[in-house]
Protein backbone atom coordinates (compact mmCIF):
# COMPACT_ATOMS: atom_id res chain seq x y z
CA UNK A 1 75.72 30.72 228.78
CA UNK A 2 73.37 27.65 228.07
CA UNK A 3 73.62 23.88 229.54
CA UNK A 4 72.47 21.17 227.05
CA UNK A 5 72.36 17.74 228.31
CA UNK A 6 73.49 14.82 226.04
CA UNK A 7 72.25 11.48 227.89
CA UNK A 8 74.43 9.10 225.71
CA UNK A 9 76.51 6.48 226.34
CA UNK A 10 75.90 3.60 223.70
CA UNK A 11 79.48 3.52 222.35
CA UNK A 12 81.03 3.27 226.07
CA UNK A 13 83.23 0.17 225.98
CA UNK A 14 83.93 -0.29 229.90
CA UNK A 15 81.30 0.97 232.51
CA UNK A 16 78.12 2.49 231.27
CA UNK A 17 76.06 4.94 233.04
CA UNK A 18 77.48 8.25 231.29
CA UNK A 19 73.72 9.17 230.10
CA UNK A 20 72.78 9.85 233.75
CA UNK A 21 75.69 12.60 233.65
CA UNK A 22 73.48 15.50 233.12
CA UNK A 23 70.80 14.66 235.77
CA UNK A 24 73.70 14.37 238.36
CA UNK A 25 75.34 17.75 237.25
CA UNK A 26 72.12 19.73 237.55
CA UNK A 27 71.66 18.13 241.25
CA UNK A 28 74.96 19.23 242.28
CA UNK A 29 75.18 22.56 240.88
CA UNK A 30 72.83 24.34 243.40
CA UNK A 31 74.77 22.94 246.17
CA UNK A 32 78.22 24.38 245.33
CA UNK A 33 79.89 27.15 246.90
CA UNK A 34 80.08 29.90 244.58
CA UNK A 35 83.36 31.28 245.57
CA UNK A 36 86.46 30.20 243.23
CA UNK A 37 89.59 30.40 245.09
CA UNK A 38 91.31 29.27 242.10
CA UNK A 39 89.89 32.60 239.76
CA UNK A 40 89.50 34.79 242.77
CA UNK A 41 86.03 35.72 242.12
CA UNK A 42 82.45 35.05 243.42
CA UNK A 43 80.37 32.94 240.78
CA UNK A 44 77.01 33.62 242.32
CA UNK A 45 76.28 36.48 239.52
CA UNK A 46 76.65 33.85 236.81
CA UNK A 47 73.59 33.59 234.54
CA UNK A 48 73.35 29.76 233.10
CA UNK A 49 70.18 28.90 231.14
CA UNK A 50 69.51 25.50 230.90
CA UNK A 51 68.02 23.90 227.49
CA UNK A 52 67.31 20.70 229.02
CA UNK A 53 68.61 17.25 227.73
CA UNK A 54 68.48 16.56 223.61
CA UNK A 55 65.92 13.62 222.87
CA UNK A 56 67.59 10.44 223.69
CA UNK A 57 68.93 8.30 221.09
CA UNK A 58 71.23 4.99 220.99
CA UNK A 59 72.25 5.42 217.46
CA UNK A 60 75.36 7.65 217.34
CA UNK A 61 75.00 9.10 214.34
CA UNK A 62 71.54 10.64 215.36
CA UNK A 63 73.26 12.01 218.70
CA UNK A 64 75.81 13.61 216.74
CA UNK A 65 73.10 15.52 214.19
CA UNK A 66 71.03 16.78 217.62
CA UNK A 67 74.39 17.88 219.20
CA UNK A 68 75.88 19.73 216.31
CA UNK A 69 72.47 21.38 215.25
CA UNK A 70 71.70 22.16 219.10
CA UNK A 71 75.00 23.87 219.56
CA UNK A 72 75.11 25.59 216.26
CA UNK A 73 71.64 27.16 216.97
CA UNK A 74 73.18 28.55 220.44
CA UNK A 75 76.11 29.91 218.65
CA UNK A 76 74.24 31.57 216.09
CA UNK A 77 71.96 32.92 218.69
CA UNK A 78 75.05 34.45 220.63
CA UNK A 79 75.17 32.21 223.36
CA UNK A 80 77.76 29.92 224.71
CA UNK A 81 77.03 26.29 224.66
CA UNK A 82 77.69 24.24 227.60
CA UNK A 83 77.47 20.56 226.86
CA UNK A 84 77.00 18.14 229.61
CA UNK A 85 77.50 14.43 228.88
CA UNK A 86 77.39 11.44 228.35
CA UNK A 87 80.35 10.07 226.84
CA UNK A 88 83.08 11.67 224.92
CA UNK A 89 81.86 11.09 221.54
CA UNK A 90 79.65 14.10 221.86
CA UNK A 91 82.95 16.28 221.35
CA UNK A 92 83.13 15.21 217.75
CA UNK A 93 79.91 17.27 217.33
CA UNK A 94 80.12 20.06 219.74
CA UNK A 95 83.21 21.07 218.67
CA UNK A 96 82.13 21.25 214.81
CA UNK A 97 80.18 24.57 214.87
CA UNK A 98 83.44 26.08 216.45
CA UNK A 99 85.91 24.32 213.72
CA UNK A 100 89.26 26.10 214.02
CA UNK A 101 88.98 27.42 217.56
CA UNK A 102 91.95 26.17 219.84
CA UNK A 103 90.55 22.88 221.36
CA UNK A 104 91.88 22.25 224.71
CA UNK A 105 91.36 18.49 225.78
CA UNK A 106 91.61 17.49 229.43
CA UNK A 107 91.66 13.68 228.98
CA UNK A 108 93.53 10.15 230.64
CA UNK A 109 93.22 8.94 227.02
CA UNK A 110 94.20 10.12 223.76
CA UNK A 111 90.87 8.73 222.17
CA UNK A 112 92.85 8.76 218.75
CA UNK A 113 92.20 4.95 218.00
CA UNK A 114 90.82 4.08 214.41
CA UNK A 115 88.63 1.71 215.57
CA UNK A 116 87.35 -0.06 218.54
CA UNK A 117 85.14 -3.25 218.74
CA UNK A 118 84.52 -2.92 215.23
CA UNK A 119 83.28 0.73 215.69
CA UNK A 120 84.74 3.55 213.73
CA UNK A 121 82.95 6.35 215.83
CA UNK A 122 83.23 6.04 219.47
CA UNK A 123 84.22 7.57 222.65
CA UNK A 124 87.51 6.11 221.97
CA UNK A 125 88.12 7.21 218.41
CA UNK A 126 86.46 10.72 218.03
CA UNK A 127 89.40 12.84 218.55
CA UNK A 128 91.07 10.93 215.50
CA UNK A 129 87.54 11.65 213.40
CA UNK A 130 87.50 15.46 214.42
CA UNK A 131 91.28 15.70 213.71
CA UNK A 132 90.84 14.22 210.11
CA UNK A 133 87.53 16.43 209.41
CA UNK A 134 88.55 19.69 210.92
CA UNK A 135 91.17 22.19 211.18
CA UNK A 136 92.22 21.89 214.88
CA UNK A 137 95.11 23.56 217.09
CA UNK A 138 95.08 20.73 219.78
CA UNK A 139 96.30 21.16 223.17
CA UNK A 140 95.78 17.86 225.01
CA UNK A 141 96.21 17.38 229.03
CA UNK A 142 96.47 14.76 231.32
CA UNK A 143 96.90 12.04 228.92
CA UNK A 144 98.40 8.72 230.81
CA UNK A 145 96.47 5.85 228.86
CA UNK A 146 97.25 5.42 225.02
CA UNK A 147 98.03 2.55 222.61
CA UNK A 148 101.17 2.45 220.01
CA UNK A 149 98.91 3.35 217.39
CA UNK A 150 97.52 6.50 219.03
CA UNK A 151 101.00 7.69 219.80
CA UNK A 152 102.15 7.08 216.13
CA UNK A 153 99.03 9.14 214.95
CA UNK A 154 99.86 12.16 217.37
CA UNK A 155 103.61 12.28 216.39
CA UNK A 156 102.59 12.35 212.71
CA UNK A 157 100.38 15.36 213.33
CA UNK A 158 102.87 17.17 215.49
CA UNK A 159 100.06 17.21 218.24
CA UNK A 160 100.84 18.85 221.61
CA UNK A 161 100.58 16.19 224.18
CA UNK A 162 101.10 17.12 227.97
CA UNK A 163 100.78 13.99 230.19
CA UNK A 164 100.01 14.01 233.71
CA UNK A 165 103.55 14.14 234.28
CA UNK A 166 104.00 17.48 232.83
CA UNK A 167 101.39 19.66 234.52
CA UNK A 168 103.80 22.43 234.63
CA UNK A 169 104.24 22.27 230.71
CA UNK A 170 100.77 22.11 230.34
CA UNK A 171 100.27 25.31 232.55
CA UNK A 172 102.65 26.80 230.67
CA UNK A 173 100.85 26.47 227.55
CA UNK A 174 97.25 27.29 228.67
CA UNK A 175 98.83 30.62 230.14
CA UNK A 176 100.27 31.26 226.53
CA UNK A 177 97.03 30.90 224.49
CA UNK A 178 96.43 34.12 222.56
CA UNK A 179 93.76 36.36 224.22
CA UNK A 180 92.21 36.86 220.79
CA UNK A 181 91.89 33.56 219.36
CA UNK A 182 88.99 31.43 220.16
CA UNK A 183 89.13 28.60 222.37
CA UNK A 184 86.91 25.38 223.22
CA UNK A 185 87.47 22.94 226.18
CA UNK A 186 86.53 19.50 226.65
CA UNK A 187 86.83 18.11 229.91
CA UNK A 188 86.80 14.20 230.41
CA UNK A 189 86.36 13.91 234.09
CA UNK A 190 88.64 10.67 233.86
CA UNK A 191 91.54 12.89 233.53
CA UNK A 192 91.26 13.05 237.29
CA UNK A 193 92.94 10.35 239.37
CA UNK A 194 90.29 7.89 240.52
CA UNK A 195 90.96 8.64 243.98
CA UNK A 196 89.27 12.17 243.32
CA UNK A 197 86.99 11.18 240.42
CA UNK A 198 85.67 7.27 241.03
CA UNK A 199 82.54 7.65 238.89
CA UNK A 200 83.55 7.93 235.42
CA UNK A 201 83.35 5.37 232.37
CA UNK A 202 87.14 4.89 232.01
CA UNK A 203 88.98 5.10 235.35
CA UNK A 204 93.07 5.20 234.63
CA UNK A 205 95.36 5.55 237.74
CA UNK A 206 97.96 7.95 238.00
CA UNK A 207 95.66 11.35 237.29
CA UNK A 208 95.51 14.53 238.18
CA UNK A 209 94.01 15.99 241.62
CA UNK A 210 90.88 18.04 241.74
CA UNK A 211 93.13 21.02 242.77
CA UNK A 212 95.33 20.24 240.06
CA UNK A 213 92.51 20.48 237.52
CA UNK A 214 90.90 23.70 239.01
CA UNK A 215 94.09 25.52 238.81
CA UNK A 216 94.66 24.58 235.02
CA UNK A 217 91.27 25.59 234.38
CA UNK A 218 91.72 28.66 236.17
CA UNK A 219 94.98 29.30 233.78
CA UNK A 220 92.54 29.59 230.79
CA UNK A 221 90.97 32.87 232.55
CA UNK A 222 91.05 35.76 230.07
CA UNK A 223 91.07 33.47 226.87
CA UNK A 224 87.98 33.86 224.85
CA UNK A 225 85.99 30.53 225.71
CA UNK A 226 83.51 30.00 222.60
CA UNK A 227 81.99 26.97 224.37
CA UNK A 228 83.09 23.88 226.46
CA UNK A 229 81.81 20.08 227.53
CA UNK A 230 82.22 18.15 230.66
CA UNK A 231 81.65 14.51 229.91
CA UNK A 232 81.97 10.81 231.00
CA UNK A 233 80.16 11.39 234.53
CA UNK A 234 78.89 7.88 235.38
CA UNK A 235 76.67 8.30 238.41
CA UNK A 236 76.31 4.78 238.76
CA UNK A 237 79.93 4.27 239.89
CA UNK A 238 79.54 7.57 241.98
CA UNK A 239 77.63 6.62 245.16
CA UNK A 240 79.20 9.65 247.33
CA UNK A 241 78.88 12.35 244.43
CA UNK A 242 82.19 13.35 244.59
CA UNK A 243 82.66 13.07 241.25
CA UNK A 244 79.29 15.25 240.27
CA UNK A 245 80.56 18.05 242.59
CA UNK A 246 83.97 18.20 240.80
CA UNK A 247 81.84 18.12 237.46
CA UNK A 248 79.75 20.91 238.67
CA UNK A 249 82.81 22.88 239.93
CA UNK A 250 84.62 22.77 236.74
CA UNK A 251 81.23 23.51 235.09
CA UNK A 252 80.96 26.78 237.10
CA UNK A 253 84.49 28.02 236.82
CA UNK A 254 84.21 27.27 232.96
CA UNK A 255 81.13 29.19 232.80
CA UNK A 256 82.79 31.98 234.60
CA UNK A 257 85.86 32.30 232.07
CA UNK A 258 82.97 32.14 229.13
CA UNK A 259 81.04 35.02 230.55
CA UNK A 260 84.11 37.21 231.28
CA UNK A 261 85.39 36.95 227.71
CA UNK A 262 82.30 37.99 226.07
CA UNK A 263 83.07 41.24 227.73
CA UNK A 264 80.51 43.70 229.11
CA UNK A 265 76.91 43.70 228.55
CA UNK A 266 74.75 46.53 227.79
CA UNK A 267 71.65 47.56 229.89
């Protein structure tokens, strides 16, 4: 597992600051306790490399190219990427090298607008662009903020949407994923209620607790997790560091699931 930071928030429509997310996660990681009660095991033996941050740019096209190239290089070298944002537009590029894998998205928003503020590619449109350009089996979990346009698009595609009011259904869907199929996870931290994660770009009331999120992540244990991203951490709105701590814990759990899915390593 190799962590890659993407300091990008140029299309953020509400509260900027996610470009500082990678640094905040790195600061929190070594201060986490390395036992997961949700997974029932220690995470202390995890080997997580750090490739540093990609080159900073405010150009969304350049950012997407940088991310896709970096993730593809890690995939081709037999390593699993842990992409840390940065805003959610990042996933449009980080998922593409795994096109066809089941995509699990934790997010308060559907991010399926056709455009926002004149932008066709942004944090609020990336999932629509992805669905239009890639074969995707999608599980969307935690949604509670969306437009009529997005709902119509989701229904026209027959997408599997589990709102924040249907966490039992989400847990069942995650537990039912085939252990032989490839899975990619995208975690937008605003899936959490602002009471648990105030430091995000687009906070939305009525979300998951941190415990609910970690239990849902644990439901993925045993799947073939080929990569993941953790996005939308905005440190300027996280003075206590609690959102960074949740991001770091979730990253460790996802890294452990990905590590175990790769099977035993040789001597």
